């Protein structure tokens, strides 16, 4: 049994630091979109209309199917909520 410690679950399960970072960003955006849908009380159909996707895509989002969403799509969806994404770059630990 290994006692190796990881900064996040993504660091533990992804092959490279770049893949882990990509997953961290995607998961943060998906969580925000899920929270927005809940906060606004949107049905899947209404959320699909607002976000410019189909209802099955909203279902995938709400079920956490992260592998089906790229950063570009998630940033576009966030923008359609009237929010914007800010980026900060820092040195890796």
C-alpha atoms as a PDB file:
ATOM      1  CA  UNK A   1       0.000   0.000   0.000  1.00  0.00           C
ATOM      2  CA  UNK A   2       1.414   3.366  -1.052  1.00  0.00           C
ATOM      3  CA  UNK A   3       1.391   6.401   1.233  1.00  0.00           C
ATOM      4  CA  UNK A   4       1.806   8.750  -1.718  1.00  0.00           C
ATOM      5  CA  UNK A   5      -0.123  12.017  -1.271  1.00  0.00           C
ATOM      6  CA  UNK A   6      -1.777  13.921  -4.101  1.00  0.00           C
ATOM      7  CA  UNK A   7      -2.962  17.518  -4.295  1.00  0.00           C
ATOM      8  CA  UNK A   8      -6.228  16.404  -5.884  1.00  0.00           C
ATOM      9  CA  UNK A   9      -8.015  13.298  -7.039  1.00  0.00           C
ATOM     10  CA  UNK A  10      -7.129  14.258 -10.619  1.00  0.00           C
ATOM     11  CA  UNK A  11      -3.419  14.111  -9.799  1.00  0.00           C
ATOM     12  CA  UNK A  12      -3.958  10.584  -8.534  1.00  0.00           C
ATOM     13  CA  UNK A  13      -5.893   9.242 -11.513  1.00  0.00           C
ATOM     14  CA  UNK A  14      -4.546  11.104 -14.546  1.00  0.00           C
ATOM     15  CA  UNK A  15      -1.365  10.085 -16.351  1.00  0.00           C
ATOM     16  CA  UNK A  16       0.237  13.520 -16.591  1.00  0.00           C
ATOM     17  CA  UNK A  17       0.088  16.836 -14.737  1.00  0.00           C
ATOM     18  CA  UNK A  18      -1.342  18.435 -17.895  1.00  0.00           C
ATOM     19  CA  UNK A  19      -4.232  15.948 -18.022  1.00  0.00           C
ATOM     20  CA  UNK A  20      -4.886  16.451 -14.300  1.00  0.00           C
ATOM     21  CA  UNK A  21      -4.986  20.235 -14.747  1.00  0.00           C
ATOM     22  CA  UNK A  22      -7.386  19.933 -17.676  1.00  0.00           C
ATOM     23  CA  UNK A  23      -9.715  17.738 -15.619  1.00  0.00           C
ATOM     24  CA  UNK A  24      -9.533  20.121 -12.647  1.00  0.00           C
ATOM     25  CA  UNK A  25     -10.596  23.029 -14.837  1.00  0.00           C
ATOM     26  CA  UNK A  26     -13.349  21.076 -16.559  1.00  0.00           C
ATOM     27  CA  UNK A  27     -14.749  19.813 -13.261  1.00  0.00           C
ATOM     28  CA  UNK A  28     -14.802  23.333 -11.763  1.00  0.00           C
ATOM     29  CA  UNK A  29     -16.714  24.665 -14.778  1.00  0.00           C
ATOM     30  CA  UNK A  30     -19.159  21.762 -14.726  1.00  0.00           C
ATOM     31  CA  UNK A  31     -19.835  22.285 -11.018  1.00  0.00           C
ATOM     32  CA  UNK A  32     -20.546  25.974 -11.644  1.00  0.00           C
ATOM     33  CA  UNK A  33     -22.928  25.138 -14.490  1.00  0.00           C
ATOM     34  CA  UNK A  34     -24.757  22.580 -12.350  1.00  0.00           C
ATOM     35  CA  UNK A  35     -25.013  25.129  -9.528  1.00  0.00           C
ATOM     36  CA  UNK A  36     -26.329  27.762 -11.961  1.00  0.00           C
ATOM     37  CA  UNK A  37     -29.046  25.427 -13.241  1.00  0.00           C
ATOM     38  CA  UNK A  38     -30.094  24.603  -9.672  1.00  0.00           C
ATOM     39  CA  UNK A  39     -29.874  28.221  -8.459  1.00  0.00           C
ATOM     40  CA  UNK A  40     -32.021  29.437 -11.363  1.00  0.00           C
ATOM     41  CA  UNK A  41     -34.501  26.575 -10.966  1.00  0.00           C
ATOM     42  CA  UNK A  42     -34.157  25.608 -14.621  1.00  0.00           C
ATOM     43  CA  UNK A  43     -35.584  22.472 -16.110  1.00  0.00           C
ATOM     44  CA  UNK A  44     -33.237  20.511 -18.347  1.00  0.00           C
ATOM     45  CA  UNK A  45     -35.116  21.789 -21.403  1.00  0.00           C
ATOM     46  CA  UNK A  46     -34.884  25.444 -20.287  1.00  0.00           C
ATOM     47  CA  UNK A  47     -31.212  25.038 -19.343  1.00  0.00           C
ATOM     48  CA  UNK A  48     -30.541  23.572 -22.791  1.00  0.00           C
ATOM     49  CA  UNK A  49     -32.193  26.590 -24.395  1.00  0.00           C
ATOM     50  CA  UNK A  50     -30.244  29.077 -22.266  1.00  0.00           C
ATOM     51  CA  UNK A  51     -26.916  27.289 -22.775  1.00  0.00           C
ATOM     52  CA  UNK A  52     -27.376  26.598 -26.476  1.00  0.00           C
ATOM     53  CA  UNK A  53     -27.162  22.819 -26.268  1.00  0.00           C
ATOM     54  CA  UNK A  54     -29.584  19.920 -26.382  1.00  0.00           C
ATOM     55  CA  UNK A  55     -31.453  18.528 -23.390  1.00  0.00           C
ATOM     56  CA  UNK A  56     -29.446  15.273 -23.535  1.00  0.00           C
ATOM     57  CA  UNK A  57     -26.242  17.368 -23.197  1.00  0.00           C
ATOM     58  CA  UNK A  58     -27.686  18.962 -20.045  1.00  0.00           C
ATOM     59  CA  UNK A  59     -28.482  15.477 -18.754  1.00  0.00           C
ATOM     60  CA  UNK A  60     -24.848  14.478 -19.404  1.00  0.00           C
ATOM     61  CA  UNK A  61     -23.676  17.604 -17.564  1.00  0.00           C
ATOM     62  CA  UNK A  62     -25.909  16.983 -14.559  1.00  0.00           C
ATOM     63  CA  UNK A  63     -24.772  13.359 -14.385  1.00  0.00           C
ATOM     64  CA  UNK A  64     -21.134  14.483 -14.321  1.00  0.00           C
ATOM     65  CA  UNK A  65     -20.051  12.926 -17.609  1.00  0.00           C
ATOM     66  CA  UNK A  66     -16.884  15.002 -17.684  1.00  0.00           C
ATOM     67  CA  UNK A  67     -15.338  13.034 -20.546  1.00  0.00           C
ATOM     68  CA  UNK A  68     -18.045  14.411 -22.884  1.00  0.00           C
ATOM     69  CA  UNK A  69     -17.178  18.083 -22.310  1.00  0.00           C
ATOM     70  CA  UNK A  70     -14.141  20.053 -23.452  1.00  0.00           C
ATOM     71  CA  UNK A  71     -12.918  23.307 -21.983  1.00  0.00           C
ATOM     72  CA  UNK A  72     -14.035  25.332 -25.009  1.00  0.00           C
ATOM     73  CA  UNK A  73     -17.603  24.116 -24.745  1.00  0.00           C
ATOM     74  CA  UNK A  74     -17.765  24.664 -20.987  1.00  0.00           C
ATOM     75  CA  UNK A  75     -16.389  28.218 -21.242  1.00  0.00           C
ATOM     76  CA  UNK A  76     -18.950  28.986 -23.966  1.00  0.00           C
ATOM     77  CA  UNK A  77     -21.749  27.610 -21.780  1.00  0.00           C
ATOM     78  CA  UNK A  78     -20.573  29.676 -18.782  1.00  0.00           C
ATOM     79  CA  UNK A  79     -20.585  32.813 -20.976  1.00  0.00           C
ATOM     80  CA  UNK A  80     -24.205  32.109 -21.925  1.00  0.00           C
ATOM     81  CA  UNK A  81     -25.124  32.310 -18.229  1.00  0.00           C
ATOM     82  CA  UNK A  82     -23.908  35.924 -18.155  1.00  0.00           C
ATOM     83  CA  UNK A  83     -20.782  34.990 -16.220  1.00  0.00           C
ATOM     84  CA  UNK A  84     -17.160  35.001 -17.313  1.00  0.00           C
ATOM     85  CA  UNK A  85     -14.200  32.818 -16.559  1.00  0.00           C
ATOM     86  CA  UNK A  86     -11.052  34.358 -15.130  1.00  0.00           C
ATOM     87  CA  UNK A  87      -7.731  32.634 -15.513  1.00  0.00           C
ATOM     88  CA  UNK A  88      -4.722  32.849 -13.245  1.00  0.00           C
ATOM     89  CA  UNK A  89      -1.466  31.119 -14.023  1.00  0.00           C
ATOM     90  CA  UNK A  90       1.030  30.189 -11.321  1.00  0.00           C
ATOM     91  CA  UNK A  91       4.012  27.901 -10.999  1.00  0.00           C
ATOM     92  CA  UNK A  92       3.259  24.276 -10.219  1.00  0.00           C
ATOM     93  CA  UNK A  93       4.313  23.040  -6.804  1.00  0.00           C
END
